Amino acid sequence: RGPQVMKGFWPEPGSGLTEGGWLHTGDLAYMDEDGYFFIQDRTKDMINVSGLKVYSTSVDEVLFKHPGVLMAVAVGVPDPNIPGSERVMAIVRLRDEYKGKVTAEDIINTCKEHLPRYAVPKYVDFKDDLPMTVTEKLFKKEMRDEAVERMKTRGELK
């Protein structure tokens, strides 16, 4: 809410805003003790692991602690055993000098050192190319959709 917030969606001024003039962006943020706000994640990227919320960016940060990781994202994929729940999947592009040397177990072990058990990826998918948006950000939705399709093809999901 403030002077920088748009006035609504054209052609309906005010649409998309709450009664108090707030714009819901879907960003998850926190305020520090000095009053500064920090964007933590997006609501749509939150991973629901058996009712526990996992910030995908928290997992992303840990993935980059492994020296072989060039690019990586964490996404939620359906848990085949618990309807409505997800499992964490890491999608990783390795640095050229690490290709063929780093295993899924290596990535998972790095995550185990820094994340709570429920946030550790259950799957690791290595890819040579990761899709990007027009703004040069990793395209999480596309990667998640592709991962779910691959799991269905392998019979891991219905």
N, C-alpha and C. Protein backbone atom coordinates (compact mmCIF):
# COMPACT_ATOMS: atom_id res chain seq x y z
N ARG A 1 0.86 -1.17 0.00
CA ARG A 1 0.00 0.00 0.00
C ARG A 1 0.90 1.22 0.00
N GLY A 2 0.60 2.20 -0.82
CA GLY A 2 1.39 3.42 -0.86
C GLY A 2 1.28 4.10 -2.21
N PRO A 3 2.01 5.20 -2.39
CA PRO A 3 1.89 5.97 -3.62
C PRO A 3 2.42 5.23 -4.85
N GLN A 4 3.26 4.25 -4.65
CA GLN A 4 3.83 3.51 -5.77
C GLN A 4 2.92 2.39 -6.26
N VAL A 5 1.83 2.10 -5.56
CA VAL A 5 0.94 1.01 -5.93
C VAL A 5 0.02 1.46 -7.05
N MET A 6 -0.15 0.60 -8.03
CA MET A 6 -1.03 0.93 -9.15
C MET A 6 -2.45 1.19 -8.66
N LYS A 7 -3.24 1.84 -9.50
CA LYS A 7 -4.61 2.20 -9.11
C LYS A 7 -5.61 1.11 -9.45
N GLY A 8 -5.16 0.02 -10.05
CA GLY A 8 -6.06 -1.08 -10.40
C GLY A 8 -5.77 -1.57 -11.80
N PHE A 9 -6.60 -2.48 -12.26
CA PHE A 9 -6.44 -3.04 -13.59
C PHE A 9 -7.37 -2.33 -14.56
N TRP A 10 -6.86 -1.93 -15.71
CA TRP A 10 -7.67 -1.27 -16.73
C TRP A 10 -8.63 -2.29 -17.32
N PRO A 11 -9.85 -2.02 -17.59
CA PRO A 11 -10.53 -0.73 -17.55
C PRO A 11 -11.33 -0.52 -16.27
N GLU A 12 -11.01 -1.25 -15.20
CA GLU A 12 -11.78 -1.15 -13.95
C GLU A 12 -10.89 -0.60 -12.84
N PRO A 13 -10.81 0.73 -12.68
CA PRO A 13 -9.97 1.29 -11.61
C PRO A 13 -10.32 0.68 -10.25
N GLY A 14 -9.31 0.34 -9.50
CA GLY A 14 -9.51 -0.23 -8.17
C GLY A 14 -9.57 -1.74 -8.14
N SER A 15 -9.76 -2.38 -9.30
CA SER A 15 -9.83 -3.84 -9.29
C SER A 15 -8.45 -4.41 -8.98
N GLY A 16 -8.41 -5.46 -8.19
CA GLY A 16 -7.15 -6.08 -7.78
C GLY A 16 -6.63 -5.56 -6.46
N LEU A 17 -7.26 -4.51 -5.93
CA LEU A 17 -6.85 -3.95 -4.65
C LEU A 17 -7.86 -4.33 -3.58
N THR A 18 -7.40 -4.41 -2.34
CA THR A 18 -8.33 -4.68 -1.24
C THR A 18 -9.06 -3.39 -0.88
N GLU A 19 -10.02 -3.52 0.00
CA GLU A 19 -10.78 -2.35 0.45
C GLU A 19 -9.88 -1.28 1.05
N GLY A 20 -8.80 -1.70 1.70
CA GLY A 20 -7.87 -0.75 2.31
C GLY A 20 -6.83 -0.20 1.36
N GLY A 21 -6.88 -0.60 0.08
CA GLY A 21 -5.93 -0.10 -0.90
C GLY A 21 -4.66 -0.93 -1.02
N TRP A 22 -4.65 -2.12 -0.45
CA TRP A 22 -3.49 -3.00 -0.54
C TRP A 22 -3.53 -3.78 -1.84
N LEU A 23 -2.37 -4.01 -2.42
CA LEU A 23 -2.24 -4.84 -3.62
C LEU A 23 -1.61 -6.16 -3.19
N HIS A 24 -2.29 -7.27 -3.47
CA HIS A 24 -1.75 -8.59 -3.13
C HIS A 24 -0.90 -9.08 -4.29
N THR A 25 0.41 -9.20 -4.06
CA THR A 25 1.34 -9.59 -5.11
C THR A 25 1.68 -11.07 -5.10
N GLY A 26 1.43 -11.74 -3.99
CA GLY A 26 1.83 -13.14 -3.87
C GLY A 26 3.24 -13.30 -3.34
N ASP A 27 3.89 -12.18 -2.99
CA ASP A 27 5.23 -12.24 -2.42
C ASP A 27 5.14 -12.51 -0.92
N LEU A 28 6.05 -13.33 -0.43
CA LEU A 28 6.16 -13.59 1.01
C LEU A 28 7.37 -12.82 1.51
N ALA A 29 7.14 -11.94 2.47
CA ALA A 29 8.21 -11.07 2.93
C ALA A 29 8.26 -11.05 4.46
N TYR A 30 9.37 -10.57 4.98
CA TYR A 30 9.46 -10.35 6.42
C TYR A 30 10.11 -8.98 6.65
N MET A 31 9.87 -8.42 7.82
CA MET A 31 10.44 -7.13 8.18
C MET A 31 11.47 -7.35 9.28
N ASP A 32 12.66 -6.77 9.10
CA ASP A 32 13.69 -6.93 10.13
C ASP A 32 13.48 -5.90 11.25
N GLU A 33 14.35 -5.94 12.25
CA GLU A 33 14.20 -5.07 13.43
C GLU A 33 14.36 -3.59 13.09
N ASP A 34 14.97 -3.28 11.93
CA ASP A 34 15.14 -1.88 11.51
C ASP A 34 14.01 -1.39 10.61
N GLY A 35 13.03 -2.25 10.36
CA GLY A 35 11.89 -1.86 9.53
C GLY A 35 12.07 -2.09 8.05
N TYR A 36 13.15 -2.80 7.65
CA TYR A 36 13.36 -3.10 6.24
C TYR A 36 12.64 -4.40 5.88
N PHE A 37 12.05 -4.41 4.69
CA PHE A 37 11.34 -5.60 4.22
C PHE A 37 12.23 -6.40 3.29
N PHE A 38 12.13 -7.72 3.38
CA PHE A 38 12.90 -8.62 2.53
C PHE A 38 11.94 -9.64 1.92
N ILE A 39 12.00 -9.77 0.60
CA ILE A 39 11.17 -10.76 -0.09
C ILE A 39 11.81 -12.12 0.14
N GLN A 40 11.05 -13.05 0.71
CA GLN A 40 11.55 -14.39 1.02
C GLN A 40 11.24 -15.36 -0.12
N ASP A 41 10.05 -15.28 -0.66
CA ASP A 41 9.63 -16.24 -1.69
C ASP A 41 8.31 -15.76 -2.27
N ARG A 42 7.74 -16.56 -3.16
CA ARG A 42 6.42 -16.30 -3.72
C ARG A 42 5.48 -17.37 -3.20
N THR A 43 4.24 -16.99 -2.96
CA THR A 43 3.25 -17.94 -2.45
C THR A 43 3.15 -19.16 -3.34
N LYS A 44 3.16 -18.94 -4.66
CA LYS A 44 2.98 -20.06 -5.58
C LYS A 44 4.19 -21.00 -5.61
N ASP A 45 5.34 -20.55 -5.09
CA ASP A 45 6.53 -21.40 -5.06
C ASP A 45 6.71 -22.12 -3.72
N MET A 46 5.82 -21.86 -2.77
CA MET A 46 5.88 -22.53 -1.47
C MET A 46 5.61 -24.02 -1.67
N ILE A 47 6.39 -24.86 -1.02
CA ILE A 47 6.23 -26.31 -1.13
C ILE A 47 5.59 -26.81 0.15
N ASN A 48 4.49 -27.57 0.02
CA ASN A 48 3.73 -28.09 1.16
C ASN A 48 4.12 -29.55 1.37
N VAL A 49 4.96 -29.80 2.37
CA VAL A 49 5.42 -31.16 2.67
C VAL A 49 4.67 -31.64 3.91
N SER A 50 3.64 -32.44 3.69
CA SER A 50 2.82 -32.99 4.78
C SER A 50 2.35 -31.91 5.75
N GLY A 51 1.93 -30.78 5.22
CA GLY A 51 1.44 -29.68 6.04
C GLY A 51 2.52 -28.72 6.50
N LEU A 52 3.77 -29.06 6.31
CA LEU A 52 4.88 -28.17 6.67
C LEU A 52 5.25 -27.34 5.45
N LYS A 53 5.45 -26.06 5.65
CA LYS A 53 5.75 -25.15 4.55
C LYS A 53 7.25 -25.04 4.35
N VAL A 54 7.67 -25.22 3.10
CA VAL A 54 9.09 -25.11 2.75
C VAL A 54 9.24 -23.97 1.75
N TYR A 55 10.04 -22.97 2.11
CA TYR A 55 10.36 -21.90 1.16
C TYR A 55 11.31 -22.48 0.12
N SER A 56 10.90 -22.43 -1.14
CA SER A 56 11.76 -22.99 -2.18
C SER A 56 13.09 -22.25 -2.25
N THR A 57 13.08 -20.95 -1.98
CA THR A 57 14.34 -20.20 -2.04
C THR A 57 15.32 -20.64 -0.96
N SER A 58 14.81 -21.12 0.18
CA SER A 58 15.71 -21.63 1.23
C SER A 58 16.45 -22.86 0.76
N VAL A 59 15.74 -23.72 0.04
CA VAL A 59 16.38 -24.92 -0.51
C VAL A 59 17.35 -24.51 -1.62
N ASP A 60 16.92 -23.56 -2.47
CA ASP A 60 17.78 -23.08 -3.56
C ASP A 60 19.13 -22.61 -3.01
N GLU A 61 19.09 -21.82 -1.95
CA GLU A 61 20.33 -21.29 -1.36
C GLU A 61 21.26 -22.40 -0.90
N VAL A 62 20.70 -23.45 -0.34
CA VAL A 62 21.53 -24.57 0.13
C VAL A 62 22.10 -25.35 -1.05
N LEU A 63 21.32 -25.50 -2.12
CA LEU A 63 21.82 -26.21 -3.30
C LEU A 63 23.10 -25.56 -3.82
N PHE A 64 23.16 -24.23 -3.75
CA PHE A 64 24.33 -23.52 -4.25
C PHE A 64 25.54 -23.65 -3.34
N LYS A 65 25.38 -24.24 -2.17
CA LYS A 65 26.53 -24.49 -1.29
C LYS A 65 27.42 -25.61 -1.84
N HIS A 66 26.84 -26.45 -2.70
CA HIS A 66 27.65 -27.51 -3.31
C HIS A 66 28.50 -26.87 -4.42
N PRO A 67 29.80 -27.11 -4.43
CA PRO A 67 30.68 -26.44 -5.40
C PRO A 67 30.40 -26.81 -6.86
N GLY A 68 29.74 -27.93 -7.09
CA GLY A 68 29.48 -28.35 -8.46
C GLY A 68 28.24 -27.75 -9.08
N VAL A 69 27.44 -27.05 -8.29
CA VAL A 69 26.16 -26.52 -8.78
C VAL A 69 26.38 -25.18 -9.47
N LEU A 70 25.97 -25.12 -10.74
CA LEU A 70 26.01 -23.87 -11.49
C LEU A 70 24.67 -23.15 -11.38
N MET A 71 23.59 -23.89 -11.59
CA MET A 71 22.23 -23.34 -11.48
C MET A 71 21.37 -24.40 -10.82
N ALA A 72 20.38 -23.96 -10.04
CA ALA A 72 19.51 -24.94 -9.37
C ALA A 72 18.23 -24.28 -8.89
N VAL A 73 17.18 -25.08 -8.84
CA VAL A 73 15.92 -24.65 -8.25
C VAL A 73 15.31 -25.83 -7.50
N ALA A 74 14.51 -25.49 -6.51
CA ALA A 74 13.73 -26.50 -5.80
C ALA A 74 12.27 -26.28 -6.17
N VAL A 75 11.59 -27.37 -6.48
CA VAL A 75 10.16 -27.31 -6.80
C VAL A 75 9.44 -28.38 -6.01
N GLY A 76 8.15 -28.20 -5.85
CA GLY A 76 7.33 -29.21 -5.20
C GLY A 76 6.67 -30.08 -6.24
N VAL A 77 6.76 -31.39 -6.06
CA VAL A 77 6.07 -32.35 -6.93
C VAL A 77 5.13 -33.17 -6.06
N PRO A 78 4.03 -33.64 -6.62
CA PRO A 78 3.06 -34.39 -5.81
C PRO A 78 3.68 -35.59 -5.11
N ASP A 79 3.28 -35.79 -3.86
CA ASP A 79 3.70 -36.96 -3.10
C ASP A 79 2.75 -38.09 -3.47
N PRO A 80 3.25 -39.17 -4.08
CA PRO A 80 2.36 -40.25 -4.51
C PRO A 80 1.67 -40.98 -3.35
N ASN A 81 2.19 -40.83 -2.15
CA ASN A 81 1.65 -41.54 -0.99
C ASN A 81 0.69 -40.72 -0.14
N ILE A 82 0.76 -39.39 -0.26
CA ILE A 82 -0.08 -38.52 0.58
C ILE A 82 -0.78 -37.50 -0.32
N PRO A 83 -2.06 -37.71 -0.60
CA PRO A 83 -2.80 -36.77 -1.45
C PRO A 83 -2.76 -35.35 -0.89
N GLY A 84 -2.48 -34.38 -1.76
CA GLY A 84 -2.43 -32.98 -1.35
C GLY A 84 -1.09 -32.54 -0.80
N SER A 85 -0.19 -33.49 -0.61
CA SER A 85 1.15 -33.17 -0.10
C SER A 85 2.14 -33.18 -1.26
N GLU A 86 3.28 -32.57 -1.02
CA GLU A 86 4.32 -32.53 -2.04
C GLU A 86 5.64 -33.05 -1.46
N ARG A 87 6.53 -33.38 -2.37
CA ARG A 87 7.91 -33.70 -2.02
C ARG A 87 8.80 -32.66 -2.71
N VAL A 88 9.95 -32.42 -2.13
CA VAL A 88 10.88 -31.45 -2.69
C VAL A 88 11.72 -32.14 -3.76
N MET A 89 11.81 -31.49 -4.92
CA MET A 89 12.69 -31.97 -5.99
C MET A 89 13.69 -30.86 -6.31
N ALA A 90 14.96 -31.23 -6.41
CA ALA A 90 16.00 -30.29 -6.83
C ALA A 90 16.28 -30.53 -8.30
N ILE A 91 16.26 -29.46 -9.07
CA ILE A 91 16.61 -29.54 -10.49
C ILE A 91 17.92 -28.76 -10.63
N VAL A 92 18.96 -29.45 -11.08
CA VAL A 92 20.32 -28.93 -10.98
C VAL A 92 21.03 -28.96 -12.33
N ARG A 93 21.73 -27.87 -12.62
CA ARG A 93 22.67 -27.84 -13.75
C ARG A 93 24.06 -27.75 -13.13
N LEU A 94 24.89 -28.72 -13.45
CA LEU A 94 26.23 -28.77 -12.88
C LEU A 94 27.23 -27.96 -13.70
N ARG A 95 28.27 -27.53 -13.04
CA ARG A 95 29.40 -26.91 -13.75
C ARG A 95 30.04 -28.00 -14.62
N ASP A 96 30.57 -27.61 -15.76
CA ASP A 96 31.11 -28.59 -16.71
C ASP A 96 32.11 -29.55 -16.08
N GLU A 97 32.99 -29.03 -15.24
CA GLU A 97 34.03 -29.88 -14.65
C GLU A 97 33.49 -30.88 -13.62
N TYR A 98 32.23 -30.73 -13.22
CA TYR A 98 31.62 -31.65 -12.24
C TYR A 98 30.67 -32.65 -12.89
N LYS A 99 30.37 -32.48 -14.17
CA LYS A 99 29.43 -33.39 -14.83
C LYS A 99 29.97 -34.81 -14.81
N GLY A 100 29.11 -35.74 -14.42
CA GLY A 100 29.49 -37.14 -14.33
C GLY A 100 30.20 -37.51 -13.04
N LYS A 101 30.52 -36.51 -12.22
CA LYS A 101 31.23 -36.76 -10.97
C LYS A 101 30.33 -36.58 -9.75
N VAL A 102 29.32 -35.73 -9.87
CA VAL A 102 28.42 -35.43 -8.75
C VAL A 102 27.17 -36.29 -8.89
N THR A 103 26.77 -36.91 -7.79
CA THR A 103 25.57 -37.76 -7.80
C THR A 103 24.43 -37.07 -7.05
N ALA A 104 23.23 -37.62 -7.22
CA ALA A 104 22.07 -37.13 -6.47
C ALA A 104 22.34 -37.23 -4.97
N GLU A 105 22.99 -38.29 -4.57
CA GLU A 105 23.30 -38.48 -3.15
C GLU A 105 24.21 -37.36 -2.63
N ASP A 106 25.16 -36.90 -3.45
CA ASP A 106 26.03 -35.79 -3.04
C ASP A 106 25.21 -34.53 -2.77
N ILE A 107 24.27 -34.25 -3.66
CA ILE A 107 23.42 -33.06 -3.51
C ILE A 107 22.55 -33.19 -2.27
N ILE A 108 21.95 -34.36 -2.09
CA ILE A 108 21.08 -34.60 -0.94
C ILE A 108 21.88 -34.49 0.37
N ASN A 109 23.09 -35.01 0.40
CA ASN A 109 23.92 -34.92 1.61
C ASN A 109 24.25 -33.47 1.96
N THR A 110 24.51 -32.65 0.94
CA THR A 110 24.75 -31.22 1.20
C THR A 110 23.51 -30.60 1.83
N CYS A 111 22.35 -30.95 1.31
CA CYS A 111 21.09 -30.41 1.86
C CYS A 111 20.84 -30.89 3.29
N LYS A 112 21.18 -32.15 3.56
CA LYS A 112 20.98 -32.69 4.91
C LYS A 112 21.78 -31.93 5.96
N GLU A 113 22.91 -31.37 5.56
CA GLU A 113 23.76 -30.62 6.49
C GLU A 113 23.14 -29.28 6.90
N HIS A 114 22.25 -28.74 6.06
CA HIS A 114 21.78 -27.37 6.27
C HIS A 114 20.27 -27.20 6.37
N LEU A 115 19.51 -28.24 6.10
CA LEU A 115 18.05 -28.11 6.07
C LEU A 115 17.39 -29.07 7.04
N PRO A 116 16.18 -28.73 7.51
CA PRO A 116 15.44 -29.72 8.30
C PRO A 116 15.09 -30.91 7.41
N ARG A 117 14.89 -32.04 8.02
CA ARG A 117 14.69 -33.29 7.29
C ARG A 117 13.57 -33.21 6.25
N TYR A 118 12.45 -32.57 6.61
CA TYR A 118 11.32 -32.50 5.70
C TYR A 118 11.59 -31.63 4.47
N ALA A 119 12.60 -30.75 4.53
CA ALA A 119 12.91 -29.85 3.42
C ALA A 119 13.98 -30.40 2.48
N VAL A 120 14.60 -31.50 2.85
CA VAL A 120 15.65 -32.10 2.01
C VAL A 120 14.99 -32.71 0.76
N PRO A 121 15.54 -32.41 -0.42
CA PRO A 121 14.96 -32.98 -1.64
C PRO A 121 14.91 -34.51 -1.61
N LYS A 122 13.80 -35.05 -2.07
CA LYS A 122 13.65 -36.50 -2.20
C LYS A 122 14.11 -36.95 -3.59
N TYR A 123 14.10 -36.02 -4.52
CA TYR A 123 14.51 -36.30 -5.90
C TYR A 123 15.51 -35.23 -6.33
N VAL A 124 16.48 -35.65 -7.15
CA VAL A 124 17.40 -34.71 -7.77
C VAL A 124 17.42 -35.03 -9.25
N ASP A 125 17.18 -34.02 -10.05
CA ASP A 125 17.15 -34.18 -11.51
C ASP A 125 18.25 -33.31 -12.09
N PHE A 126 19.21 -33.93 -12.78
CA PHE A 126 20.30 -33.18 -13.41
C PHE A 126 19.90 -32.86 -14.85
N LYS A 127 20.10 -31.60 -15.23
CA LYS A 127 19.78 -31.16 -16.59
C LYS A 127 20.93 -30.33 -17.13
N ASP A 128 21.13 -30.42 -18.46
CA ASP A 128 22.16 -29.61 -19.10
C ASP A 128 21.70 -28.18 -19.35
N ASP A 129 20.40 -28.02 -19.57
CA ASP A 129 19.84 -26.69 -19.81
C ASP A 129 18.61 -26.50 -18.94
N LEU A 130 18.50 -25.33 -18.34
CA LEU A 130 17.33 -25.01 -17.54
C LEU A 130 16.58 -23.87 -18.24
N PRO A 131 15.25 -24.01 -18.37
CA PRO A 131 14.49 -22.96 -19.07
C PRO A 131 14.49 -21.65 -18.29
N MET A 132 14.57 -20.56 -19.04
CA MET A 132 14.58 -19.22 -18.46
C MET A 132 13.38 -18.43 -18.96
N THR A 133 12.94 -17.49 -18.14
CA THR A 133 11.87 -16.58 -18.55
C THR A 133 12.48 -15.47 -19.41
N VAL A 134 11.64 -14.61 -19.95
CA VAL A 134 12.14 -13.50 -20.76
C VAL A 134 12.96 -12.52 -19.92
N THR A 135 12.78 -12.55 -18.60
CA THR A 135 13.56 -11.67 -17.72
C THR A 135 14.80 -12.37 -17.17
N GLU A 136 15.18 -13.50 -17.80
CA GLU A 136 16.40 -14.23 -17.45
C GLU A 136 16.36 -14.86 -16.06
N LYS A 137 15.16 -15.21 -15.59
CA LYS A 137 15.03 -15.94 -14.33
C LYS A 137 14.71 -17.39 -14.66
N LEU A 138 15.07 -18.28 -13.75
CA LEU A 138 14.74 -19.68 -13.96
C LEU A 138 13.23 -19.86 -13.95
N PHE A 139 12.72 -20.62 -14.91
CA PHE A 139 11.28 -20.80 -15.11
C PHE A 139 10.82 -21.99 -14.28
N LYS A 140 10.54 -21.75 -12.99
CA LYS A 140 10.20 -22.83 -12.05
C LYS A 140 8.95 -23.59 -12.46
N LYS A 141 7.93 -22.87 -12.90
CA LYS A 141 6.66 -23.53 -13.24
C LYS A 141 6.87 -24.54 -14.37
N GLU A 142 7.60 -24.14 -15.40
CA GLU A 142 7.86 -25.05 -16.52
C GLU A 142 8.66 -26.26 -16.06
N MET A 143 9.66 -26.04 -15.21
CA MET A 143 10.47 -27.16 -14.72
C MET A 143 9.65 -28.11 -13.86
N ARG A 144 8.76 -27.54 -13.04
CA ARG A 144 7.90 -28.38 -12.21
C ARG A 144 6.97 -29.21 -13.09
N ASP A 145 6.35 -28.57 -14.07
CA ASP A 145 5.43 -29.28 -14.97
C ASP A 145 6.15 -30.40 -15.72
N GLU A 146 7.36 -30.13 -16.20
CA GLU A 146 8.15 -31.16 -16.89
C GLU A 146 8.49 -32.31 -15.94
N ALA A 147 8.85 -31.99 -14.72
CA ALA A 147 9.21 -33.02 -13.74
C ALA A 147 8.02 -33.92 -13.44
N VAL A 148 6.84 -33.32 -13.28
CA VAL A 148 5.63 -34.10 -13.01
C VAL A 148 5.32 -35.01 -14.19
N GLU A 149 5.46 -34.51 -15.41
CA GLU A 149 5.22 -35.34 -16.59
C GLU A 149 6.19 -36.52 -16.66
N ARG A 150 7.47 -36.27 -16.36
CA ARG A 150 8.46 -37.36 -16.36
C ARG A 150 8.11 -38.41 -15.31
N MET A 151 7.65 -37.96 -14.14
CA MET A 151 7.26 -38.90 -13.08
C MET A 151 6.06 -39.73 -13.51
N LYS A 152 5.12 -39.11 -14.21
CA LYS A 152 3.95 -39.84 -14.71
C LYS A 152 4.37 -40.87 -15.75
N THR A 153 5.29 -40.48 -16.64
CA THR A 153 5.78 -41.39 -17.68
C THR A 153 6.46 -42.61 -17.07
N ARG A 154 7.19 -42.40 -15.98
CA ARG A 154 7.89 -43.50 -15.30
C ARG A 154 6.96 -44.31 -14.40
N GLY A 155 5.71 -43.87 -14.28
CA GLY A 155 4.75 -44.59 -13.45
C GLY A 155 4.83 -44.25 -11.98
N GLU A 156 5.55 -43.18 -11.62
CA GLU A 156 5.69 -42.79 -10.22
C GLU A 156 4.47 -42.00 -9.73
N LEU A 157 3.73 -41.43 -10.68
CA LEU A 157 2.51 -40.67 -10.36
C LEU A 157 1.39 -41.11 -11.29
N LYS A 158 0.16 -40.91 -10.82
CA LYS A 158 -0.99 -41.23 -11.67
C LYS A 158 -1.47 -39.99 -12.38
